Amino acid sequence: GHEFARHGDPVLKPGPFKSWDERVVADPYVIRV
């Protein structure tokens, strides 16, 4: 809970040309089901 290790490259990137999320992906909220 104090030292964090990054996992390199982004795990979720913006979408392709003219997609609804082409420029930004942000504000994640993750649940486990």
All heavy atoms as atom14 arrays in JSON, in Angstrom:
{
  "sequence": "GHEFARHGDPVLKPGPFKSWDERVVADPYVIRV",
  "atom14_mask": [
    [1, 1, 1, 1, 0, 0, 0, 0, 0, 0, 0, 0, 0, 0],
    [1, 1, 1, 1, 1, 1, 1, 1, 1, 1, 0, 0, 0, 0],
    [1, 1, 1, 1, 1, 1, 1, 1, 1, 0, 0, 0, 0, 0],
    [1, 1, 1, 1, 1, 1, 1, 1, 1, 1, 1, 0, 0, 0],
    [1, 1, 1, 1, 1, 0, 0, 0, 0, 0, 0, 0, 0, 0],
    [1, 1, 1, 1, 1, 1, 1, 1, 1, 1, 1, 0, 0, 0],
    [1, 1, 1, 1, 1, 1, 1, 1, 1, 1, 0, 0, 0, 0],
    [1, 1, 1, 1, 0, 0, 0, 0, 0, 0, 0, 0, 0, 0],
    [1, 1, 1, 1, 1, 1, 1, 1, 0, 0, 0, 0, 0, 0],
    [1, 1, 1, 1, 1, 1, 1, 0, 0, 0, 0, 0, 0, 0],
    [1, 1, 1, 1, 1, 1, 1, 0, 0, 0, 0, 0, 0, 0],
    [1, 1, 1, 1, 1, 1, 1, 1, 0, 0, 0, 0, 0, 0],
    [1, 1, 1, 1, 1, 1, 1, 1, 1, 0, 0, 0, 0, 0],
    [1, 1, 1, 1, 1, 1, 1, 0, 0, 0, 0, 0, 0, 0],
    [1, 1, 1, 1, 0, 0, 0, 0, 0, 0, 0, 0, 0, 0],
    [1, 1, 1, 1, 1, 1, 1, 0, 0, 0, 0, 0, 0, 0],
    [1, 1, 1, 1, 1, 1, 1, 1, 1, 1, 1, 0, 0, 0],
    [1, 1, 1, 1, 1, 1, 1, 1, 1, 0, 0, 0, 0, 0],
    [1, 1, 1, 1, 1, 1, 0, 0, 0, 0, 0, 0, 0, 0],
    [1, 1, 1, 1, 1, 1, 1, 1, 1, 1, 1, 1, 1, 1],
    [1, 1, 1, 1, 1, 1, 1, 1, 0, 0, 0, 0, 0, 0],
    [1, 1, 1, 1, 1, 1, 1, 1, 1, 0, 0, 0, 0, 0],
    [1, 1, 1, 1, 1, 1, 1, 1, 1, 1, 1, 0, 0, 0],
    [1, 1, 1, 1, 1, 1, 1, 0, 0, 0, 0, 0, 0, 0],
    [1, 1, 1, 1, 1, 1, 1, 0, 0, 0, 0, 0, 0, 0],
    [1, 1, 1, 1, 1, 0, 0, 0, 0, 0, 0, 0, 0, 0],
    [1, 1, 1, 1, 1, 1, 1, 1, 0, 0, 0, 0, 0, 0],
    [1, 1, 1, 1, 1, 1, 1, 0, 0, 0, 0, 0, 0, 0],
    [1, 1, 1, 1, 1, 1, 1, 1, 1, 1, 1, 1, 0, 0],
    [1, 1, 1, 1, 1, 1, 1, 0, 0, 0, 0, 0, 0, 0],
    [1, 1, 1, 1, 1, 1, 1, 1, 0, 0, 0, 0, 0, 0],
    [1, 1, 1, 1, 1, 1, 1, 1, 1, 1, 1, 0, 0, 0],
    [1, 1, 1, 1, 1, 1, 1, 0, 0, 0, 0, 0, 0, 0]
  ],
  "atom14_positions": [
    [[0.79, -1.22, 0.0], [0.0, 0.0, 0.0], [0.82, 1.27, 0.0], [0.25, 2.37, 0.04], [0.0, 0.0, 0.0], [0.0, 0.0, 0.0], [0.0, 0.0, 0.0], [0.0, 0.0, 0.0], [0.0, 0.0, 0.0], [0.0, 0.0, 0.0], [0.0, 0.0, 0.0], [0.0, 0.0, 0.0], [0.0, 0.0, 0.0], [0.0, 0.0, 0.0]],
    [[2.14, 1.16, -0.1], [3.01, 2.33, -0.07], [3.92, 2.4, -1.31], [4.06, 3.47, -1.91], [3.87, 2.33, 1.2], [3.08, 2.32, 2.46], [2.36, 3.41, 2.91], [2.88, 1.33, 3.37], [1.76, 3.11, 4.04], [2.05, 1.86, 4.35], [0.0, 0.0, 0.0], [0.0, 0.0, 0.0], [0.0, 0.0, 0.0], [0.0, 0.0, 0.0]],
    [[4.52, 1.29, -1.66], [5.38, 1.23, -2.83], [4.6, 0.6, -3.98], [4.09, -0.51, -3.84], [6.65, 0.42, -2.54], [7.5, 0.99, -1.43], [8.16, 2.31, -1.82], [8.4, 2.5, -3.04], [8.43, 3.13, -0.93], [0.0, 0.0, 0.0], [0.0, 0.0, 0.0], [0.0, 0.0, 0.0], [0.0, 0.0, 0.0], [0.0, 0.0, 0.0]],
    [[4.53, 1.32, -5.12], [3.78, 0.84, -6.27], [4.73, 0.6, -7.44], [5.61, 1.41, -7.72], [2.71, 1.85, -6.69], [1.48, 1.83, -5.83], [1.49, 2.38, -4.55], [0.31, 1.24, -6.28], [0.35, 2.36, -3.76], [-0.83, 1.2, -5.5], [-0.81, 1.76, -4.23], [0.0, 0.0, 0.0], [0.0, 0.0, 0.0], [0.0, 0.0, 0.0]],
    [[4.52, -0.54, -8.12], [5.31, -0.89, -9.3], [4.45, -0.71, -10.54], [3.36, -1.28, -10.65], [5.8, -2.33, -9.21], [0.0, 0.0, 0.0], [0.0, 0.0, 0.0], [0.0, 0.0, 0.0], [0.0, 0.0, 0.0], [0.0, 0.0, 0.0], [0.0, 0.0, 0.0], [0.0, 0.0, 0.0], [0.0, 0.0, 0.0], [0.0, 0.0, 0.0]],
    [[4.92, 0.13, -11.46], [4.22, 0.32, -12.72], [4.41, -0.89, -13.63], [5.44, -1.55, -13.59], [4.72, 1.57, -13.42], [4.32, 2.89, -12.76], [5.11, 4.03, -13.39], [4.57, 5.33, -13.15], [4.9, 6.12, -12.12], [5.75, 5.68, -11.21], [4.37, 7.32, -11.99], [0.0, 0.0, 0.0], [0.0, 0.0, 0.0], [0.0, 0.0, 0.0]],
    [[3.43, -1.08, -14.49], [3.46, -2.2, -15.42], [3.73, -1.75, -16.84], [3.16, -2.27, -17.8], [2.14, -2.98, -15.34], [2.08, -3.88, -14.14], [2.07, -5.25, -14.23], [2.07, -3.6, -12.82], [2.03, -5.78, -13.02], [2.02, -4.78, -12.15], [0.0, 0.0, 0.0], [0.0, 0.0, 0.0], [0.0, 0.0, 0.0], [0.0, 0.0, 0.0]],
    [[4.6, -0.78, -16.98], [5.08, -0.43, -18.32], [4.08, 0.34, -19.14], [3.59, 1.39, -18.72], [0.0, 0.0, 0.0], [0.0, 0.0, 0.0], [0.0, 0.0, 0.0], [0.0, 0.0, 0.0], [0.0, 0.0, 0.0], [0.0, 0.0, 0.0], [0.0, 0.0, 0.0], [0.0, 0.0, 0.0], [0.0, 0.0, 0.0], [0.0, 0.0, 0.0]],
    [[3.77, -0.15, -20.33], [2.91, 0.55, -21.28], [1.47, 0.64, -20.78], [1.06, -0.09, -19.88], [2.92, -0.18, -22.63], [4.27, -0.11, -23.32], [5.02, 0.84, -23.03], [4.57, -1.01, -24.12], [0.0, 0.0, 0.0], [0.0, 0.0, 0.0], [0.0, 0.0, 0.0], [0.0, 0.0, 0.0], [0.0, 0.0, 0.0], [0.0, 0.0, 0.0]],
    [[0.66, 1.52, -21.38], [-0.76, 1.58, -21.01], [-1.45, 0.23, -21.22], [-1.12, -0.51, -22.15], [-1.33, 2.63, -21.98], [-0.16, 3.43, -22.42], [1.01, 2.51, -22.42], [0.0, 0.0, 0.0], [0.0, 0.0, 0.0], [0.0, 0.0, 0.0], [0.0, 0.0, 0.0], [0.0, 0.0, 0.0], [0.0, 0.0, 0.0], [0.0, 0.0, 0.0]],
    [[-2.42, -0.05, -20.36], [-3.21, -1.28, -20.53], [-4.5, -1.0, -21.28], [-5.13, -1.95, -21.79], [-3.5, -1.95, -19.17], [-2.21, -2.35, -18.49], [-4.34, -1.05, -18.25], [0.0, 0.0, 0.0], [0.0, 0.0, 0.0], [0.0, 0.0, 0.0], [0.0, 0.0, 0.0], [0.0, 0.0, 0.0], [0.0, 0.0, 0.0], [0.0, 0.0, 0.0]],
    [[-4.93, 0.24, -21.36], [-6.08, 0.62, -22.18], [-5.76, 1.93, -22.87], [-5.43, 2.92, -22.22], [-7.35, 0.77, -21.34], [-8.65, 0.8, -22.16], [-9.02, -0.62, -22.61], [-9.81, 1.4, -21.38], [0.0, 0.0, 0.0], [0.0, 0.0, 0.0], [0.0, 0.0, 0.0], [0.0, 0.0, 0.0], [0.0, 0.0, 0.0], [0.0, 0.0, 0.0]],
    [[-5.86, 1.91, -24.2], [-5.51, 3.07, -25.01], [-6.75, 3.62, -25.71], [-7.77, 2.93, -25.82], [-4.47, 2.69, -26.05], [-3.16, 2.2, -25.49], [-2.2, 1.83, -26.62], [-0.88, 1.32, -26.08], [0.06, 0.95, -27.18], [0.0, 0.0, 0.0], [0.0, 0.0, 0.0], [0.0, 0.0, 0.0], [0.0, 0.0, 0.0], [0.0, 0.0, 0.0]],
    [[-6.67, 4.86, -26.2], [-7.78, 5.39, -27.0], [-8.06, 4.51, -28.21], [-7.22, 3.71, -28.65], [-7.27, 6.77, -27.42], [-6.32, 7.16, -26.33], [-5.64, 5.87, -25.94], [0.0, 0.0, 0.0], [0.0, 0.0, 0.0], [0.0, 0.0, 0.0], [0.0, 0.0, 0.0], [0.0, 0.0, 0.0], [0.0, 0.0, 0.0], [0.0, 0.0, 0.0]],
    [[-9.27, 4.67, -28.75], [-9.71, 3.85, -29.86], [-9.21, 4.34, -31.21], [-8.44, 5.31, -31.3], [0.0, 0.0, 0.0], [0.0, 0.0, 0.0], [0.0, 0.0, 0.0], [0.0, 0.0, 0.0], [0.0, 0.0, 0.0], [0.0, 0.0, 0.0], [0.0, 0.0, 0.0], [0.0, 0.0, 0.0], [0.0, 0.0, 0.0], [0.0, 0.0, 0.0]],
    [[-9.66, 3.71, -32.29], [-9.19, 4.05, -33.63], [-9.78, 5.35, -34.15], [-10.63, 5.98, -33.5], [-9.65, 2.86, -34.47], [-10.84, 2.33, -33.74], [-10.55, 2.54, -32.29], [0.0, 0.0, 0.0], [0.0, 0.0, 0.0], [0.0, 0.0, 0.0], [0.0, 0.0, 0.0], [0.0, 0.0, 0.0], [0.0, 0.0, 0.0], [0.0, 0.0, 0.0]],
    [[-9.36, 5.74, -35.31], [-9.76, 6.98, -35.97], [-11.28, 7.12, -36.02], [-11.99, 6.21, -36.43], [-9.18, 6.99, -37.38], [-9.52, 8.2, -38.2], [-9.05, 9.45, -37.84], [-10.28, 8.08, -39.35], [-9.35, 10.57, -38.59], [-10.59, 9.2, -40.12], [-10.12, 10.44, -39.74], [0.0, 0.0, 0.0], [0.0, 0.0, 0.0], [0.0, 0.0, 0.0]],
    [[-11.76, 8.25, -35.54], [-13.18, 8.61, -35.53], [-14.04, 7.74, -34.61], [-15.27, 7.74, -34.72], [-13.77, 8.64, -36.94], [-13.25, 9.8, -37.78], [-14.03, 9.96, -39.07], [-13.56, 11.2, -39.84], [-14.32, 11.39, -41.1], [0.0, 0.0, 0.0], [0.0, 0.0, 0.0], [0.0, 0.0, 0.0], [0.0, 0.0, 0.0], [0.0, 0.0, 0.0]],
    [[-13.42, 7.01, -33.7], [-14.2, 6.26, -32.72], [-14.66, 7.17, -31.6], [-14.18, 8.3, -31.45], [-13.37, 5.11, -32.15], [-12.22, 5.6, -31.48], [0.0, 0.0, 0.0], [0.0, 0.0, 0.0], [0.0, 0.0, 0.0], [0.0, 0.0, 0.0], [0.0, 0.0, 0.0], [0.0, 0.0, 0.0], [0.0, 0.0, 0.0], [0.0, 0.0, 0.0]],
    [[-15.57, 6.71, -30.79], [-16.14, 7.52, -29.71], [-15.1, 7.83, -28.63], [-15.25, 8.8, -27.89], [-17.34, 6.8, -29.08], [-16.92, 5.64, -28.22], [-16.62, 4.37, -28.62], [-16.73, 5.66, -26.79], [-16.25, 3.61, -27.54], [-16.33, 4.37, -26.42], [-16.87, 6.64, -25.81], [-16.06, 4.01, -25.1], [-16.6, 6.3, -24.49], [-16.2, 5.0, -24.15]],
    [[-14.03, 7.02, -28.54], [-12.98, 7.25, -27.55], [-11.62, 7.45, -28.22], [-10.59, 7.06, -27.67], [-12.93, 6.11, -26.53], [-12.66, 4.74, -27.17], [-12.66, 4.64, -28.42], [-12.45, 3.77, -26.41], [0.0, 0.0, 0.0], [0.0, 0.0, 0.0], [0.0, 0.0, 0.0], [0.0, 0.0, 0.0], [0.0, 0.0, 0.0], [0.0, 0.0, 0.0]],
    [[-11.62, 8.1, -29.37], [-10.41, 8.26, -30.16], [-9.33, 9.08, -29.45], [-8.14, 8.8, -29.57], [-10.74, 8.94, -31.5], [-9.51, 9.24, -32.35], [-9.81, 10.12, -33.54], [-10.99, 10.49, -33.72], [-8.88, 10.46, -34.28], [0.0, 0.0, 0.0], [0.0, 0.0, 0.0], [0.0, 0.0, 0.0], [0.0, 0.0, 0.0], [0.0, 0.0, 0.0]],
    [[-9.72, 10.11, -28.71], [-8.75, 11.06, -28.16], [-8.33, 10.75, -26.72], [-7.19, 11.0, -26.34], [-9.3, 12.48, -28.25], [-9.48, 12.97, -29.69], [-8.14, 13.04, -30.4], [-8.26, 13.34, -31.82], [-8.32, 14.55, -32.34], [-8.34, 15.61, -31.55], [-8.39, 14.72, -33.64], [0.0, 0.0, 0.0], [0.0, 0.0, 0.0], [0.0, 0.0, 0.0]],
    [[-9.25, 10.24, -25.92], [-8.98, 10.06, -24.48], [-9.71, 8.82, -23.97], [-10.87, 8.6, -24.33], [-9.46, 11.28, -23.66], [-9.39, 11.01, -22.16], [-8.65, 12.53, -24.01], [0.0, 0.0, 0.0], [0.0, 0.0, 0.0], [0.0, 0.0, 0.0], [0.0, 0.0, 0.0], [0.0, 0.0, 0.0], [0.0, 0.0, 0.0], [0.0, 0.0, 0.0]],
    [[-9.02, 8.04, -23.14], [-9.7, 7.11, -22.23], [-9.24, 7.48, -20.83], [-8.05, 7.73, -20.6], [-9.41, 5.63, -22.56], [-10.07, 5.23, -23.87], [-7.92, 5.33, -22.6], [0.0, 0.0, 0.0], [0.0, 0.0, 0.0], [0.0, 0.0, 0.0], [0.0, 0.0, 0.0], [0.0, 0.0, 0.0], [0.0, 0.0, 0.0], [0.0, 0.0, 0.0]],
    [[-10.18, 7.52, -19.87], [-9.85, 8.05, -18.54], [-10.88, 7.57, -17.52], [-11.83, 6.85, -17.85], [-9.8, 9.58, -18.58], [0.0, 0.0, 0.0], [0.0, 0.0, 0.0], [0.0, 0.0, 0.0], [0.0, 0.0, 0.0], [0.0, 0.0, 0.0], [0.0, 0.0, 0.0], [0.0, 0.0, 0.0], [0.0, 0.0, 0.0], [0.0, 0.0, 0.0]],
    [[-10.68, 8.0, -16.28], [-11.63, 7.77, -15.18], [-12.07, 6.31, -15.07], [-13.27, 6.01, -15.05], [-12.85, 8.67, -15.34], [-12.52, 10.14, -15.28], [-11.43, 10.48, -14.78], [-13.33, 10.96, -15.75], [0.0, 0.0, 0.0], [0.0, 0.0, 0.0], [0.0, 0.0, 0.0], [0.0, 0.0, 0.0], [0.0, 0.0, 0.0], [0.0, 0.0, 0.0]],
    [[-11.13, 5.36, -14.97], [-11.54, 3.96, -14.88], [-12.22, 3.64, -13.55], [-11.91, 4.24, -12.51], [-10.21, 3.21, -14.99], [-9.2, 4.16, -14.42], [-9.67, 5.53, -14.87], [0.0, 0.0, 0.0], [0.0, 0.0, 0.0], [0.0, 0.0, 0.0], [0.0, 0.0, 0.0], [0.0, 0.0, 0.0], [0.0, 0.0, 0.0], [0.0, 0.0, 0.0]],
    [[-13.14, 2.69, -13.59], [-13.75, 2.13, -12.38], [-13.84, 0.63, -12.62], [-14.5, 0.18, -13.57], [-15.14, 2.71, -12.13], [-15.66, 2.43, -10.74], [-15.4, 3.29, -9.69], [-16.4, 1.28, -10.47], [-15.88, 3.03, -8.41], [-16.89, 1.01, -9.21], [-16.62, 1.88, -8.17], [-17.08, 1.62, -6.91], [0.0, 0.0, 0.0], [0.0, 0.0, 0.0]],
    [[-13.14, -0.17, -11.81], [-12.98, -1.59, -12.08], [-13.67, -2.41, -11.0], [-13.49, -2.17, -9.8], [-11.49, -1.97, -12.17], [-11.34, -3.47, -12.45], [-10.79, -1.16, -13.26], [0.0, 0.0, 0.0], [0.0, 0.0, 0.0], [0.0, 0.0, 0.0], [0.0, 0.0, 0.0], [0.0, 0.0, 0.0], [0.0, 0.0, 0.0], [0.0, 0.0, 0.0]],
    [[-14.46, -3.41, -11.43], [-15.08, -4.36, -10.53], [-14.7, -5.76, -10.96], [-14.33, -5.98, -12.13], [-16.63, -4.2, -10.48], [-17.25, -4.46, -11.86], [-17.01, -2.82, -9.97], [-18.78, -4.47, -11.84], [0.0, 0.0, 0.0], [0.0, 0.0, 0.0], [0.0, 0.0, 0.0], [0.0, 0.0, 0.0], [0.0, 0.0, 0.0], [0.0, 0.0, 0.0]],
    [[-14.8, -6.7, -10.05], [-14.53, -8.11, -10.35], [-15.84, -8.86, -10.22], [-16.51, -8.82, -9.18], [-13.49, -8.66, -9.37], [-13.12, -10.13, -9.61], [-12.24, -10.27, -10.83], [-11.89, -11.66, -11.08], [-10.79, -12.26, -10.63], [-9.95, -11.56, -9.86], [-10.53, -13.5, -10.93], [0.0, 0.0, 0.0], [0.0, 0.0, 0.0], [0.0, 0.0, 0.0]],
    [[-16.24, -9.6, -11.28], [-17.43, -10.43, -11.25], [-17.03, -11.78, -11.85], [-16.71, -11.87, -13.04], [-18.59, -9.83, -12.06], [-19.84, -10.71, -11.93], [-18.9, -8.41, -11.59], [0.0, 0.0, 0.0], [0.0, 0.0, 0.0], [0.0, 0.0, 0.0], [0.0, 0.0, 0.0], [0.0, 0.0, 0.0], [0.0, 0.0, 0.0], [0.0, 0.0, 0.0]]
  ]
}
